[in-house]
């Protein structure tokens, strides 16, 4: 529970770790995607969701990776990758305040954007814009975010079954 004077803490543990005491991670500009802790016990904001936190890190990684793309791709693959990367945490945040059914729809859109981004990363490697090491790292991160989003969707599905709307 966070009080008025409590602060968020950074964590350098790998995700997921069983039996970890829950903390809220603060995203720092140089944080890598595997450096966050488990979700807080109570989600007070979309910012507390590991799915949002990790998708924000992934979006930053996409921005950095596309900085070296050829100028000819400025309005092509660069903008497509960045748009998809931004859409993922944006949809998680946008849907968070909605009813469970609507939230699931927004998470589905986030997953769709994640799959778009994955496809575009593969194409960027095929075109020689990303080396194999960088594209592999990005694809591993997209897979991790995908697993987290699927888990969040499963959790919402179970909650809707336990507490159906009247």
N, C-alpha and C. Protein backbone atom coordinates (compact mmCIF):
# COMPACT_ATOMS: atom_id res chain seq x y z
N UNK A 1 0.84 -1.18 0.00
CA UNK A 1 0.00 0.00 0.00
C UNK A 1 0.88 1.23 0.00
N UNK A 2 0.62 2.19 -0.88
CA UNK A 2 1.42 3.38 -0.97
C UNK A 2 0.75 4.50 -0.20
N UNK A 3 1.47 5.08 0.70
CA UNK A 3 0.96 6.22 1.45
C UNK A 3 1.35 7.50 0.77
N UNK A 4 1.00 8.60 1.40
CA UNK A 4 1.28 9.91 0.82
C UNK A 4 2.78 10.13 0.66
N UNK A 5 3.58 9.67 1.61
CA UNK A 5 5.01 9.92 1.57
C UNK A 5 5.82 8.77 0.97
N UNK A 6 5.16 7.72 0.55
CA UNK A 6 5.90 6.61 -0.04
C UNK A 6 6.26 6.94 -1.48
N UNK A 7 7.26 6.27 -2.00
CA UNK A 7 7.66 6.52 -3.36
C UNK A 7 7.78 5.21 -4.11
N UNK A 8 7.83 5.30 -5.40
CA UNK A 8 8.02 4.11 -6.21
C UNK A 8 9.48 3.74 -6.15
N UNK A 9 9.76 2.46 -6.31
CA UNK A 9 11.14 2.02 -6.27
C UNK A 9 11.50 1.33 -7.57
N UNK A 10 12.76 1.38 -7.92
CA UNK A 10 13.24 0.67 -9.09
C UNK A 10 13.69 -0.72 -8.67
N UNK A 11 13.56 -1.65 -9.57
CA UNK A 11 13.92 -3.03 -9.26
C UNK A 11 14.76 -3.57 -10.41
N UNK A 12 15.82 -4.26 -10.12
CA UNK A 12 16.66 -4.84 -11.15
C UNK A 12 16.52 -6.35 -11.21
N UNK A 13 15.34 -6.88 -10.91
CA UNK A 13 15.13 -8.31 -10.96
C UNK A 13 14.55 -8.70 -12.32
N UNK A 14 14.77 -9.94 -12.69
CA UNK A 14 14.26 -10.44 -13.95
C UNK A 14 12.80 -10.81 -13.80
N UNK A 15 12.01 -10.69 -14.85
CA UNK A 15 10.60 -11.03 -14.83
C UNK A 15 10.40 -12.34 -15.54
N UNK A 16 9.58 -13.24 -15.14
CA UNK A 16 8.90 -13.27 -13.85
C UNK A 16 9.75 -14.02 -12.83
N UNK A 17 9.57 -13.71 -11.60
CA UNK A 17 10.23 -14.42 -10.51
C UNK A 17 9.15 -14.90 -9.56
N UNK A 18 9.10 -16.18 -9.26
CA UNK A 18 8.11 -16.67 -8.32
C UNK A 18 8.44 -16.20 -6.91
N UNK A 19 7.40 -16.01 -6.12
CA UNK A 19 7.54 -15.66 -4.71
C UNK A 19 8.27 -14.35 -4.46
N UNK A 20 8.10 -13.38 -5.35
CA UNK A 20 8.70 -12.07 -5.17
C UNK A 20 7.68 -11.18 -4.49
N UNK A 21 8.13 -10.40 -3.53
CA UNK A 21 7.23 -9.45 -2.90
C UNK A 21 6.87 -8.40 -3.94
N UNK A 22 5.61 -8.09 -4.09
CA UNK A 22 5.17 -7.16 -5.11
C UNK A 22 5.61 -5.74 -4.80
N UNK A 23 6.09 -5.06 -5.83
CA UNK A 23 6.46 -3.66 -5.74
C UNK A 23 5.99 -2.97 -7.00
N UNK A 24 5.91 -1.67 -6.97
CA UNK A 24 5.61 -0.92 -8.17
C UNK A 24 6.93 -0.43 -8.73
N UNK A 25 7.19 -0.71 -9.99
CA UNK A 25 8.45 -0.31 -10.60
C UNK A 25 8.31 1.07 -11.21
N UNK A 26 9.36 1.84 -11.12
CA UNK A 26 9.42 3.14 -11.79
C UNK A 26 10.20 2.93 -13.06
N UNK A 27 9.67 3.38 -14.17
CA UNK A 27 10.35 3.23 -15.45
C UNK A 27 11.39 4.33 -15.55
N UNK A 28 12.62 3.94 -15.81
CA UNK A 28 13.67 4.93 -16.01
C UNK A 28 14.08 4.89 -17.47
N UNK A 29 14.59 5.98 -18.01
CA UNK A 29 14.90 6.04 -19.44
C UNK A 29 15.81 4.95 -19.95
N UNK A 30 16.74 4.46 -19.14
CA UNK A 30 17.68 3.45 -19.60
C UNK A 30 17.33 2.04 -19.17
N UNK A 31 16.13 1.85 -18.63
CA UNK A 31 15.72 0.54 -18.14
C UNK A 31 15.48 -0.40 -19.31
N UNK A 32 15.91 -1.65 -19.15
CA UNK A 32 15.64 -2.64 -20.18
C UNK A 32 14.39 -3.43 -19.80
N UNK A 33 13.83 -4.14 -20.74
CA UNK A 33 12.52 -4.75 -20.57
C UNK A 33 12.48 -5.82 -19.48
N UNK A 34 13.60 -6.46 -19.17
CA UNK A 34 13.61 -7.51 -18.16
C UNK A 34 13.89 -7.00 -16.76
N UNK A 35 13.89 -5.69 -16.56
CA UNK A 35 14.32 -5.14 -15.28
C UNK A 35 13.18 -4.74 -14.36
N UNK A 36 12.00 -5.28 -14.55
CA UNK A 36 10.87 -4.87 -13.71
C UNK A 36 10.41 -5.98 -12.80
N UNK A 37 9.81 -5.57 -11.71
CA UNK A 37 9.33 -6.51 -10.70
C UNK A 37 7.93 -6.97 -11.05
N UNK A 38 7.37 -7.78 -10.19
CA UNK A 38 6.01 -8.25 -10.38
C UNK A 38 5.03 -7.11 -10.13
N UNK A 39 3.80 -7.31 -10.52
CA UNK A 39 2.78 -6.27 -10.40
C UNK A 39 2.49 -5.95 -8.94
N UNK A 40 2.08 -4.69 -8.67
CA UNK A 40 1.74 -4.34 -7.30
C UNK A 40 0.50 -5.11 -6.85
N UNK A 41 0.35 -5.25 -5.54
CA UNK A 41 -0.78 -5.99 -5.00
C UNK A 41 -2.09 -5.36 -5.41
N UNK A 42 -2.17 -4.05 -5.42
CA UNK A 42 -3.38 -3.35 -5.84
C UNK A 42 -3.03 -2.43 -6.99
N UNK A 43 -3.75 -2.57 -8.07
CA UNK A 43 -3.52 -1.71 -9.23
C UNK A 43 -4.33 -0.44 -9.04
N UNK A 44 -3.64 0.66 -8.88
CA UNK A 44 -4.31 1.94 -8.69
C UNK A 44 -4.40 2.74 -9.98
N UNK A 45 -3.57 2.40 -10.95
CA UNK A 45 -3.50 3.13 -12.21
C UNK A 45 -2.99 2.17 -13.28
N UNK A 46 -3.24 2.51 -14.53
CA UNK A 46 -2.68 1.71 -15.62
C UNK A 46 -1.15 1.70 -15.54
N UNK A 47 -0.55 2.71 -14.94
CA UNK A 47 0.90 2.77 -14.79
C UNK A 47 1.44 1.68 -13.87
N UNK A 48 0.58 1.10 -13.04
CA UNK A 48 0.98 0.01 -12.15
C UNK A 48 1.03 -1.34 -12.87
N UNK A 49 0.47 -1.41 -14.05
CA UNK A 49 0.41 -2.68 -14.78
C UNK A 49 1.75 -3.00 -15.44
N UNK A 50 2.25 -4.18 -15.19
CA UNK A 50 3.50 -4.62 -15.81
C UNK A 50 3.37 -4.60 -17.34
N UNK A 51 2.19 -4.94 -17.85
CA UNK A 51 1.97 -4.92 -19.31
C UNK A 51 2.24 -3.52 -19.87
N UNK A 52 1.74 -2.50 -19.19
CA UNK A 52 1.95 -1.12 -19.64
C UNK A 52 3.43 -0.74 -19.49
N UNK A 53 4.02 -1.07 -18.35
CA UNK A 53 5.41 -0.71 -18.10
C UNK A 53 6.35 -1.33 -19.13
N UNK A 54 6.17 -2.61 -19.39
CA UNK A 54 7.06 -3.29 -20.34
C UNK A 54 6.80 -2.84 -21.77
N UNK A 55 5.56 -2.53 -22.10
CA UNK A 55 5.29 -2.05 -23.46
C UNK A 55 5.85 -0.64 -23.66
N UNK A 56 5.94 0.14 -22.60
CA UNK A 56 6.58 1.46 -22.70
C UNK A 56 8.08 1.30 -22.95
N UNK A 57 8.71 0.37 -22.27
CA UNK A 57 10.14 0.11 -22.50
C UNK A 57 10.34 -0.37 -23.94
N UNK A 58 9.48 -1.27 -24.40
CA UNK A 58 9.57 -1.78 -25.77
C UNK A 58 9.40 -0.64 -26.78
N UNK A 59 8.47 0.27 -26.53
CA UNK A 59 8.28 1.41 -27.44
C UNK A 59 9.55 2.25 -27.53
N UNK A 60 10.18 2.49 -26.39
CA UNK A 60 11.44 3.24 -26.40
C UNK A 60 12.52 2.50 -27.19
N UNK A 61 12.57 1.17 -27.03
CA UNK A 61 13.56 0.39 -27.77
C UNK A 61 13.30 0.47 -29.28
N UNK A 62 12.04 0.48 -29.67
CA UNK A 62 11.70 0.61 -31.09
C UNK A 62 12.13 1.98 -31.61
N UNK A 63 11.88 3.02 -30.83
CA UNK A 63 12.32 4.36 -31.25
C UNK A 63 13.83 4.39 -31.46
N UNK A 64 14.59 3.84 -30.53
CA UNK A 64 16.04 3.83 -30.66
C UNK A 64 16.48 2.99 -31.85
N UNK A 65 15.86 1.84 -32.05
CA UNK A 65 16.24 0.95 -33.16
C UNK A 65 15.98 1.59 -34.51
N UNK A 66 14.93 2.39 -34.63
CA UNK A 66 14.58 2.98 -35.93
C UNK A 66 15.35 4.25 -36.24
N UNK A 67 16.12 4.75 -35.27
CA UNK A 67 16.92 5.97 -35.52
C UNK A 67 17.95 5.76 -36.62
N UNK A 68 18.38 4.53 -36.82
CA UNK A 68 19.42 4.25 -37.82
C UNK A 68 18.86 3.76 -39.16
N UNK A 69 17.55 3.70 -39.29
CA UNK A 69 16.95 3.26 -40.56
C UNK A 69 17.27 4.30 -41.65
N UNK A 70 17.29 3.86 -42.91
CA UNK A 70 17.56 4.80 -44.00
C UNK A 70 16.51 5.91 -44.08
N UNK A 71 16.94 7.05 -44.55
CA UNK A 71 16.05 8.21 -44.67
C UNK A 71 14.82 7.91 -45.53
N UNK A 72 14.97 7.05 -46.51
CA UNK A 72 13.86 6.70 -47.39
C UNK A 72 12.71 6.04 -46.62
N UNK A 73 13.01 5.47 -45.46
CA UNK A 73 11.99 4.80 -44.65
C UNK A 73 11.34 5.72 -43.60
N UNK A 74 11.71 7.00 -43.60
CA UNK A 74 11.17 7.93 -42.60
C UNK A 74 9.65 7.91 -42.55
N UNK A 75 9.01 7.87 -43.70
CA UNK A 75 7.54 7.88 -43.74
C UNK A 75 6.98 6.51 -44.08
N UNK A 76 7.82 5.50 -44.04
CA UNK A 76 7.39 4.14 -44.32
C UNK A 76 7.48 3.28 -43.08
N UNK A 77 8.48 2.43 -43.07
CA UNK A 77 8.63 1.45 -41.99
C UNK A 77 8.88 2.11 -40.63
N UNK A 78 9.61 3.22 -40.60
CA UNK A 78 9.88 3.90 -39.33
C UNK A 78 8.58 4.34 -38.68
N UNK A 79 7.75 5.02 -39.44
CA UNK A 79 6.50 5.53 -38.86
C UNK A 79 5.55 4.39 -38.51
N UNK A 80 5.56 3.32 -39.29
CA UNK A 80 4.70 2.17 -38.99
C UNK A 80 5.12 1.47 -37.71
N UNK A 81 6.42 1.24 -37.56
CA UNK A 81 6.92 0.60 -36.34
C UNK A 81 6.64 1.45 -35.11
N UNK A 82 6.90 2.75 -35.22
CA UNK A 82 6.69 3.64 -34.08
C UNK A 82 5.21 3.75 -33.74
N UNK A 83 4.37 3.81 -34.74
CA UNK A 83 2.93 3.90 -34.48
C UNK A 83 2.43 2.66 -33.76
N UNK A 84 2.86 1.50 -34.22
CA UNK A 84 2.46 0.25 -33.56
C UNK A 84 3.00 0.19 -32.14
N UNK A 85 4.25 0.62 -31.95
CA UNK A 85 4.86 0.59 -30.62
C UNK A 85 4.12 1.51 -29.65
N UNK A 86 3.72 2.66 -30.11
CA UNK A 86 2.99 3.62 -29.27
C UNK A 86 1.58 3.10 -28.97
N UNK A 87 0.98 2.42 -29.92
CA UNK A 87 -0.40 1.95 -29.77
C UNK A 87 -0.54 0.95 -28.62
N UNK A 88 0.47 0.16 -28.36
CA UNK A 88 0.35 -0.90 -27.36
C UNK A 88 0.12 -0.34 -25.96
N UNK A 89 1.03 0.48 -25.42
CA UNK A 89 0.76 1.03 -24.08
C UNK A 89 -0.43 1.99 -24.08
N UNK A 90 -0.66 2.66 -25.20
CA UNK A 90 -1.79 3.59 -25.28
C UNK A 90 -3.12 2.87 -25.14
N UNK A 91 -3.26 1.73 -25.80
CA UNK A 91 -4.51 0.95 -25.70
C UNK A 91 -4.68 0.35 -24.31
N UNK A 92 -3.57 -0.07 -23.69
CA UNK A 92 -3.66 -0.59 -22.32
C UNK A 92 -4.16 0.51 -21.40
N UNK A 93 -3.60 1.70 -21.55
CA UNK A 93 -4.00 2.83 -20.70
C UNK A 93 -5.43 3.26 -20.99
N UNK A 94 -5.78 3.37 -22.26
CA UNK A 94 -7.12 3.84 -22.65
C UNK A 94 -8.21 2.90 -22.15
N UNK A 95 -7.95 1.62 -22.24
CA UNK A 95 -8.97 0.65 -21.85
C UNK A 95 -9.07 0.40 -20.36
N UNK A 96 -8.07 0.80 -19.61
CA UNK A 96 -8.00 0.45 -18.19
C UNK A 96 -9.19 0.93 -17.37
N UNK A 97 -9.74 2.07 -17.68
CA UNK A 97 -10.84 2.62 -16.89
C UNK A 97 -12.22 2.12 -17.34
N UNK A 98 -12.24 1.28 -18.35
CA UNK A 98 -13.51 0.81 -18.90
C UNK A 98 -13.97 -0.48 -18.21
N UNK A 99 -15.18 -0.89 -18.52
CA UNK A 99 -15.70 -2.16 -18.02
C UNK A 99 -14.86 -3.30 -18.58
N UNK A 100 -14.86 -4.43 -17.90
CA UNK A 100 -14.01 -5.55 -18.26
C UNK A 100 -14.15 -5.98 -19.71
N UNK A 101 -15.37 -6.05 -20.22
CA UNK A 101 -15.58 -6.48 -21.61
C UNK A 101 -14.97 -5.51 -22.59
N UNK A 102 -15.14 -4.23 -22.34
CA UNK A 102 -14.55 -3.21 -23.22
C UNK A 102 -13.04 -3.19 -23.08
N UNK A 103 -12.56 -3.38 -21.86
CA UNK A 103 -11.12 -3.41 -21.62
C UNK A 103 -10.48 -4.56 -22.39
N UNK A 104 -11.14 -5.70 -22.39
CA UNK A 104 -10.63 -6.85 -23.14
C UNK A 104 -10.50 -6.50 -24.62
N UNK A 105 -11.45 -5.74 -25.14
CA UNK A 105 -11.39 -5.34 -26.54
C UNK A 105 -10.16 -4.45 -26.79
N UNK A 106 -9.89 -3.51 -25.89
CA UNK A 106 -8.71 -2.66 -26.04
C UNK A 106 -7.42 -3.48 -25.94
N UNK A 107 -7.39 -4.45 -25.03
CA UNK A 107 -6.22 -5.32 -24.93
C UNK A 107 -6.04 -6.15 -26.20
N UNK A 108 -7.15 -6.54 -26.81
CA UNK A 108 -7.08 -7.24 -28.10
C UNK A 108 -6.47 -6.36 -29.18
N UNK A 109 -6.83 -5.08 -29.18
CA UNK A 109 -6.23 -4.15 -30.14
C UNK A 109 -4.74 -3.98 -29.86
N UNK A 110 -4.36 -3.94 -28.58
CA UNK A 110 -2.94 -3.85 -28.22
C UNK A 110 -2.18 -5.07 -28.74
N UNK A 111 -2.78 -6.25 -28.61
CA UNK A 111 -2.16 -7.47 -29.14
C UNK A 111 -2.03 -7.40 -30.66
N UNK A 112 -3.04 -6.86 -31.31
CA UNK A 112 -2.97 -6.69 -32.76
C UNK A 112 -1.82 -5.78 -33.17
N UNK A 113 -1.65 -4.68 -32.45
CA UNK A 113 -0.53 -3.78 -32.73
C UNK A 113 0.80 -4.45 -32.46
N UNK A 114 0.84 -5.29 -31.44
CA UNK A 114 2.06 -6.03 -31.13
C UNK A 114 2.43 -6.97 -32.28
N UNK A 115 1.44 -7.64 -32.85
CA UNK A 115 1.69 -8.54 -33.98
C UNK A 115 2.12 -7.76 -35.23
N UNK A 116 1.53 -6.58 -35.43
CA UNK A 116 1.98 -5.71 -36.53
C UNK A 116 3.45 -5.38 -36.36
N UNK A 117 3.81 -4.97 -35.15
CA UNK A 117 5.17 -4.57 -34.86
C UNK A 117 6.13 -5.74 -35.06
N UNK A 118 5.72 -6.92 -34.62
CA UNK A 118 6.55 -8.11 -34.81
C UNK A 118 6.82 -8.36 -36.29
N UNK A 119 5.78 -8.26 -37.11
CA UNK A 119 5.92 -8.45 -38.55
C UNK A 119 6.87 -7.41 -39.14
N UNK A 120 6.75 -6.18 -38.68
CA UNK A 120 7.59 -5.10 -39.21
C UNK A 120 9.04 -5.25 -38.77
N UNK A 121 9.28 -5.79 -37.58
CA UNK A 121 10.65 -6.06 -37.13
C UNK A 121 11.28 -7.11 -38.04
N UNK A 122 10.53 -8.15 -38.35
CA UNK A 122 11.03 -9.21 -39.24
C UNK A 122 11.36 -8.63 -40.61
N UNK A 123 10.48 -7.78 -41.14
CA UNK A 123 10.73 -7.14 -42.43
C UNK A 123 11.96 -6.25 -42.36
N UNK A 124 12.11 -5.49 -41.28
CA UNK A 124 13.27 -4.60 -41.14
C UNK A 124 14.57 -5.41 -41.14
N UNK A 125 14.56 -6.57 -40.51
CA UNK A 125 15.75 -7.43 -40.56
C UNK A 125 15.98 -7.95 -41.97
N UNK A 126 14.91 -8.42 -42.63
CA UNK A 126 15.02 -8.93 -44.00
C UNK A 126 15.58 -7.87 -44.95
N UNK A 127 15.24 -6.60 -44.71
CA UNK A 127 15.72 -5.51 -45.56
C UNK A 127 17.10 -5.01 -45.16
N UNK A 128 17.63 -5.55 -44.07
CA UNK A 128 18.97 -5.16 -43.63
C UNK A 128 19.01 -3.91 -42.77
N UNK A 129 17.86 -3.47 -42.29
CA UNK A 129 17.81 -2.27 -41.44
C UNK A 129 18.12 -2.60 -39.99
N UNK A 130 17.88 -3.84 -39.59
CA UNK A 130 18.20 -4.31 -38.24
C UNK A 130 19.10 -5.53 -38.37
N UNK A 131 20.13 -5.60 -37.55
CA UNK A 131 20.94 -6.81 -37.56
C UNK A 131 20.20 -7.91 -36.80
N UNK A 132 20.65 -9.12 -37.00
CA UNK A 132 19.96 -10.29 -36.41
C UNK A 132 19.90 -10.19 -34.89
N UNK A 133 20.96 -9.75 -34.25
CA UNK A 133 20.99 -9.66 -32.80
C UNK A 133 19.93 -8.68 -32.28
N UNK A 134 19.83 -7.53 -32.91
CA UNK A 134 18.86 -6.52 -32.46
C UNK A 134 17.43 -7.00 -32.74
N UNK A 135 17.18 -7.57 -33.90
CA UNK A 135 15.82 -8.02 -34.20
C UNK A 135 15.43 -9.18 -33.28
N UNK A 136 16.36 -10.08 -32.97
CA UNK A 136 16.07 -11.18 -32.06
C UNK A 136 15.70 -10.65 -30.69
N UNK A 137 16.45 -9.67 -30.20
CA UNK A 137 16.17 -9.06 -28.90
C UNK A 137 14.79 -8.41 -28.90
N UNK A 138 14.48 -7.66 -29.94
CA UNK A 138 13.17 -7.01 -30.03
C UNK A 138 12.04 -8.04 -30.11
N UNK A 139 12.26 -9.10 -30.88
CA UNK A 139 11.23 -10.14 -31.01
C UNK A 139 11.03 -10.89 -29.69
N UNK A 140 12.09 -11.08 -28.93
CA UNK A 140 11.95 -11.69 -27.60
C UNK A 140 11.11 -10.79 -26.70
N UNK A 141 11.32 -9.49 -26.81
CA UNK A 141 10.56 -8.55 -25.99
C UNK A 141 9.10 -8.49 -26.42
N UNK A 142 8.85 -8.58 -27.73
CA UNK A 142 7.45 -8.60 -28.17
C UNK A 142 6.76 -9.86 -27.67
N UNK A 143 7.48 -10.98 -27.68
CA UNK A 143 6.89 -12.24 -27.18
C UNK A 143 6.57 -12.12 -25.69
N UNK A 144 7.46 -11.50 -24.93
CA UNK A 144 7.23 -11.33 -23.49
C UNK A 144 6.02 -10.45 -23.23
N UNK A 145 5.92 -9.33 -23.93
CA UNK A 145 4.76 -8.45 -23.76
C UNK A 145 3.50 -9.18 -24.18
N UNK A 146 3.57 -9.97 -25.24
CA UNK A 146 2.41 -10.75 -25.69
C UNK A 146 1.93 -11.73 -24.62
N UNK A 147 2.86 -12.41 -23.98
CA UNK A 147 2.49 -13.34 -22.91
C UNK A 147 1.81 -12.61 -21.75
N UNK A 148 2.33 -11.45 -21.42
CA UNK A 148 1.75 -10.67 -20.32
C UNK A 148 0.35 -10.20 -20.70
N UNK A 149 0.17 -9.73 -21.93
CA UNK A 149 -1.16 -9.30 -22.37
C UNK A 149 -2.15 -10.46 -22.39
N UNK A 150 -1.71 -11.62 -22.85
CA UNK A 150 -2.59 -12.80 -22.84
C UNK A 150 -2.97 -13.17 -21.41
N UNK A 151 -2.02 -13.07 -20.49
CA UNK A 151 -2.32 -13.34 -19.08
C UNK A 151 -3.31 -12.35 -18.51
N UNK A 152 -3.18 -11.09 -18.87
CA UNK A 152 -4.13 -10.07 -18.41
C UNK A 152 -5.51 -10.33 -18.98
N UNK A 153 -5.58 -10.73 -20.24
CA UNK A 153 -6.88 -11.08 -20.84
C UNK A 153 -7.51 -12.28 -20.15
N UNK A 154 -6.69 -13.29 -19.85
CA UNK A 154 -7.19 -14.47 -19.12
C UNK A 154 -7.74 -14.07 -17.76
N UNK A 155 -7.02 -13.21 -17.07
CA UNK A 155 -7.44 -12.74 -15.75
C UNK A 155 -8.78 -12.01 -15.83
N UNK A 156 -8.94 -11.17 -16.83
CA UNK A 156 -10.21 -10.44 -17.00
C UNK A 156 -11.34 -11.40 -17.34
N UNK A 157 -11.05 -12.41 -18.15
CA UNK A 157 -12.06 -13.41 -18.52
C UNK A 157 -12.55 -14.14 -17.28
N UNK A 158 -11.61 -14.54 -16.41
CA UNK A 158 -11.97 -15.23 -15.16
C UNK A 158 -12.77 -14.32 -14.25
N UNK A 159 -12.37 -13.07 -14.17
CA UNK A 159 -13.08 -12.13 -13.31
C UNK A 159 -14.51 -11.93 -13.82
N UNK A 160 -14.68 -11.89 -15.13
CA UNK A 160 -16.03 -11.71 -15.69
C UNK A 160 -16.89 -12.95 -15.39
N UNK A 161 -16.28 -14.13 -15.37
CA UNK A 161 -17.03 -15.35 -15.06
C UNK A 161 -17.41 -15.39 -13.58
N UNK A 162 -16.51 -14.90 -12.72
CA UNK A 162 -16.78 -14.92 -11.28
C UNK A 162 -17.79 -13.84 -10.88
N UNK A 163 -17.71 -12.69 -11.52
CA UNK A 163 -18.57 -11.55 -11.16
C UNK A 163 -19.29 -11.03 -12.39
N UNK A 164 -20.24 -11.78 -12.93
CA UNK A 164 -20.95 -11.33 -14.14
C UNK A 164 -21.79 -10.09 -13.84
N UNK A 165 -21.95 -9.27 -14.87
CA UNK A 165 -22.80 -8.09 -14.74
C UNK A 165 -24.25 -8.50 -14.58
N UNK A 166 -25.03 -7.75 -13.77
CA UNK A 166 -26.44 -8.12 -13.56
C UNK A 166 -27.26 -7.93 -14.81
